[in-house]
N, C-alpha and C. Protein backbone atom coordinates (compact mmCIF):
# COMPACT_ATOMS: atom_id res chain seq x y z
N MET A 1 51.53 -3.50 -60.60
CA MET A 1 51.14 -4.51 -60.08
C MET A 1 48.96 -3.75 -60.48
N THR A 2 48.37 -5.48 -60.64
CA THR A 2 46.96 -5.20 -60.88
C THR A 2 46.18 -5.43 -60.19
N THR A 3 45.04 -4.58 -59.85
CA THR A 3 43.58 -5.37 -59.22
C THR A 3 43.00 -7.22 -59.50
N ILE A 4 42.83 -8.52 -59.58
CA ILE A 4 42.63 -9.12 -60.02
C ILE A 4 41.05 -9.21 -59.46
N THR A 5 40.87 -8.82 -57.78
CA THR A 5 39.32 -8.47 -57.47
C THR A 5 39.60 -7.80 -55.90
N LYS A 6 38.29 -7.57 -55.89
CA LYS A 6 37.96 -7.30 -54.43
C LYS A 6 36.88 -8.05 -53.55
N CYS A 7 37.15 -7.66 -51.98
CA CYS A 7 36.56 -9.12 -51.48
C CYS A 7 35.54 -7.27 -50.58
N GLY A 8 34.80 -8.49 -50.08
CA GLY A 8 33.39 -7.79 -48.77
C GLY A 8 33.85 -7.80 -47.72
N ASP A 9 35.03 -8.72 -47.58
CA ASP A 9 36.05 -8.44 -46.26
C ASP A 9 37.43 -8.34 -46.18
N LEU A 10 37.85 -9.12 -44.33
CA LEU A 10 39.27 -9.42 -45.01
C LEU A 10 39.66 -10.11 -44.74
N GLN A 11 39.10 -11.80 -44.25
CA GLN A 11 39.01 -12.82 -44.17
C GLN A 11 38.92 -13.82 -45.76
N GLN A 12 38.30 -12.92 -46.71
CA GLN A 12 37.85 -13.09 -47.87
C GLN A 12 39.09 -12.86 -49.15
N ALA A 13 39.73 -11.74 -48.56
CA ALA A 13 40.50 -11.35 -49.24
C ALA A 13 41.85 -11.93 -48.47
N LEU A 14 42.05 -12.50 -47.75
CA LEU A 14 43.00 -13.52 -47.75
C LEU A 14 43.46 -14.27 -47.64
N LEU A 15 42.13 -15.12 -48.12
CA LEU A 15 41.50 -16.45 -48.24
C LEU A 15 42.52 -16.59 -50.04
N VAL A 16 41.74 -15.73 -50.43
CA VAL A 16 42.41 -15.05 -51.36
C VAL A 16 43.86 -15.53 -52.01
N LYS A 17 44.60 -14.63 -50.96
CA LYS A 17 45.42 -14.42 -51.38
C LYS A 17 46.12 -15.67 -50.75
N SER A 18 45.74 -16.74 -50.47
CA SER A 18 46.43 -17.80 -49.41
C SER A 18 46.32 -18.85 -50.23
N ILE A 19 45.44 -18.77 -52.05
CA ILE A 19 44.37 -19.66 -52.54
C ILE A 19 45.93 -19.46 -53.38
N LEU A 20 46.00 -17.99 -53.88
CA LEU A 20 47.31 -17.89 -54.88
C LEU A 20 48.28 -18.43 -54.29
N ALA A 21 48.97 -18.04 -53.00
CA ALA A 21 49.83 -18.62 -52.65
C ALA A 21 50.58 -20.02 -52.76
N GLY A 22 48.63 -20.61 -52.38
CA GLY A 22 49.72 -21.89 -52.94
C GLY A 22 49.51 -22.56 -54.30
N SER A 23 49.08 -21.69 -55.12
CA SER A 23 49.51 -21.97 -56.34
C SER A 23 50.97 -20.84 -57.15
N GLY A 24 51.56 -20.64 -55.85
CA GLY A 24 52.82 -20.47 -56.51
C GLY A 24 52.84 -18.96 -57.00
N ILE A 25 51.71 -17.86 -56.58
CA ILE A 25 50.93 -16.47 -57.12
C ILE A 25 51.83 -15.84 -56.03
N GLU A 26 52.56 -14.97 -55.77
CA GLU A 26 51.86 -14.14 -54.58
C GLU A 26 51.87 -12.70 -55.44
N ALA A 27 50.71 -13.08 -54.21
CA ALA A 27 49.36 -11.57 -53.96
C ALA A 27 49.37 -11.00 -52.91
N PHE A 28 48.95 -9.58 -52.77
CA PHE A 28 49.51 -8.48 -51.88
C PHE A 28 47.67 -7.77 -51.70
N VAL A 29 47.36 -7.91 -50.32
CA VAL A 29 46.45 -7.31 -49.62
C VAL A 29 45.88 -5.68 -50.13
N PRO A 30 46.70 -4.29 -50.15
CA PRO A 30 47.10 -3.07 -49.83
C PRO A 30 46.09 -2.62 -48.93
N ASP A 31 45.31 -3.11 -48.67
CA ASP A 31 44.17 -2.38 -48.12
C ASP A 31 43.94 -2.99 -46.30
N GLU A 32 44.97 -4.54 -46.43
CA GLU A 32 45.35 -4.43 -45.06
C GLU A 32 44.86 -3.94 -43.76
N LEU A 33 46.03 -2.93 -43.49
CA LEU A 33 46.01 -2.13 -42.44
C LEU A 33 44.37 -1.56 -42.36
N THR A 34 44.31 -0.92 -43.37
CA THR A 34 42.83 0.40 -43.09
C THR A 34 41.80 -1.04 -42.69
N ALA A 35 41.52 -2.02 -43.33
CA ALA A 35 40.60 -2.68 -43.25
C ALA A 35 40.27 -3.37 -41.80
N GLN A 36 41.68 -3.69 -41.24
CA GLN A 36 42.08 -4.35 -40.05
C GLN A 36 40.69 -2.82 -38.79
N ASN A 37 41.50 -1.49 -39.12
CA ASN A 37 41.44 -0.29 -38.35
C ASN A 37 40.07 0.59 -38.82
N ALA A 38 39.77 0.41 -40.27
CA ALA A 38 38.45 1.05 -39.94
C ALA A 38 37.10 0.71 -41.12
N PRO A 39 37.16 -0.74 -40.84
CA PRO A 39 36.07 -1.39 -41.94
C PRO A 39 35.06 -0.23 -42.77
N PRO A 40 34.16 0.28 -42.54
CA PRO A 40 33.50 1.05 -42.71
C PRO A 40 34.06 2.02 -43.64
N TYR A 41 35.72 2.59 -43.84
CA TYR A 41 35.82 3.04 -45.06
C TYR A 41 36.28 1.75 -46.48
N MET A 42 35.89 0.51 -46.03
CA MET A 42 36.27 -0.38 -47.36
C MET A 42 34.71 -0.16 -48.15
N TRP A 43 34.31 -0.56 -46.88
CA TRP A 43 32.71 -0.45 -47.76
C TRP A 43 32.47 0.55 -48.93
N ALA A 44 32.96 1.41 -48.26
CA ALA A 44 32.48 3.62 -49.11
C ALA A 44 33.49 3.43 -50.32
N THR A 45 34.06 1.99 -50.40
CA THR A 45 35.64 2.16 -51.69
C THR A 45 35.53 0.96 -52.35
N GLY A 46 34.25 0.00 -51.70
CA GLY A 46 34.32 -0.78 -53.09
C GLY A 46 35.07 -2.32 -52.57
N GLY A 47 35.49 -2.19 -51.39
CA GLY A 47 36.17 -3.44 -51.05
C GLY A 47 37.80 -3.85 -51.05
N ILE A 48 38.11 -4.71 -50.32
CA ILE A 48 39.11 -4.90 -49.90
C ILE A 48 40.20 -5.28 -51.43
N ARG A 49 41.48 -4.88 -51.88
CA ARG A 49 41.69 -5.19 -53.10
C ARG A 49 42.66 -6.58 -53.14
N VAL A 50 42.88 -7.17 -53.74
CA VAL A 50 44.04 -8.34 -53.94
C VAL A 50 44.61 -7.93 -55.34
N GLN A 51 46.08 -8.28 -55.20
CA GLN A 51 46.13 -7.40 -56.00
C GLN A 51 47.99 -8.49 -56.63
N VAL A 52 47.83 -8.87 -57.92
CA VAL A 52 49.65 -9.23 -58.53
C VAL A 52 49.81 -8.70 -59.40
N GLU A 53 51.53 -8.76 -59.52
CA GLU A 53 51.74 -8.28 -60.22
C GLU A 53 51.84 -8.39 -61.86
N ASP A 54 51.65 -7.47 -62.85
CA ASP A 54 51.28 -7.25 -64.24
C ASP A 54 52.14 -8.68 -64.50
N ASP A 55 52.19 -9.11 -64.60
CA ASP A 55 52.88 -9.98 -65.66
C ASP A 55 52.20 -11.52 -64.55
N GLN A 56 51.10 -11.48 -63.63
CA GLN A 56 50.85 -12.66 -63.20
C GLN A 56 49.32 -13.06 -63.16
N VAL A 57 48.59 -11.30 -64.16
CA VAL A 57 47.35 -11.29 -64.21
C VAL A 57 46.53 -12.64 -64.43
N GLU A 58 46.90 -12.79 -65.53
CA GLU A 58 46.40 -13.94 -66.44
C GLU A 58 46.51 -15.62 -65.61
N ALA A 59 47.79 -15.47 -65.24
CA ALA A 59 47.96 -16.82 -64.26
C ALA A 59 46.09 -16.63 -62.38
N ALA A 60 46.77 -15.48 -62.12
CA ALA A 60 46.28 -15.71 -61.11
C ALA A 60 44.32 -15.99 -62.11
N ARG A 61 43.94 -14.88 -62.51
CA ARG A 61 42.71 -15.48 -63.04
C ARG A 61 42.20 -16.84 -63.01
N LYS A 62 42.78 -17.43 -63.25
CA LYS A 62 42.83 -18.74 -64.42
C LYS A 62 42.79 -20.00 -63.01
N VAL A 63 43.66 -20.12 -61.79
CA VAL A 63 43.95 -19.55 -60.66
C VAL A 63 42.64 -20.14 -60.38
N LEU A 64 41.72 -18.07 -60.06
CA LEU A 64 40.64 -18.37 -59.15
C LEU A 64 39.46 -18.58 -59.75
N ASN A 65 39.19 -18.19 -61.04
CA ASN A 65 38.10 -19.53 -61.39
C ASN A 65 38.07 -20.60 -61.34
N SER A 66 39.06 -21.48 -61.29
CA SER A 66 39.28 -22.96 -60.81
C SER A 66 38.87 -23.27 -59.23
N GLN A 67 39.03 -22.22 -58.62
CA GLN A 67 39.30 -22.38 -57.44
C GLN A 67 38.01 -21.99 -56.07
N ILE A 68 37.70 -20.84 -57.22
CA ILE A 68 36.03 -19.96 -56.25
C ILE A 68 34.97 -20.29 -57.00
N PRO A 69 33.90 -20.93 -56.80
CA PRO A 69 32.49 -20.94 -57.51
C PRO A 69 32.32 -19.23 -57.21
N SER A 70 31.61 -19.54 -58.50
CA SER A 70 30.87 -18.31 -59.02
C SER A 70 29.65 -18.07 -58.07
């Protein structure tokens, strides 16, 4: 698994996951439960990770670069 982005809140992480799913890329939010139960911990660790399988990294980054404005 490779972390392709870190998000500031759970809603943003789930949006990224949905955008990737809409493009046929399965994404995971391994910090989802922690973010729901202990949000301050997520801020201390740099954000909520969104991960994809290693062989999907390039495709996922292309999707995010085209879908999410900088």
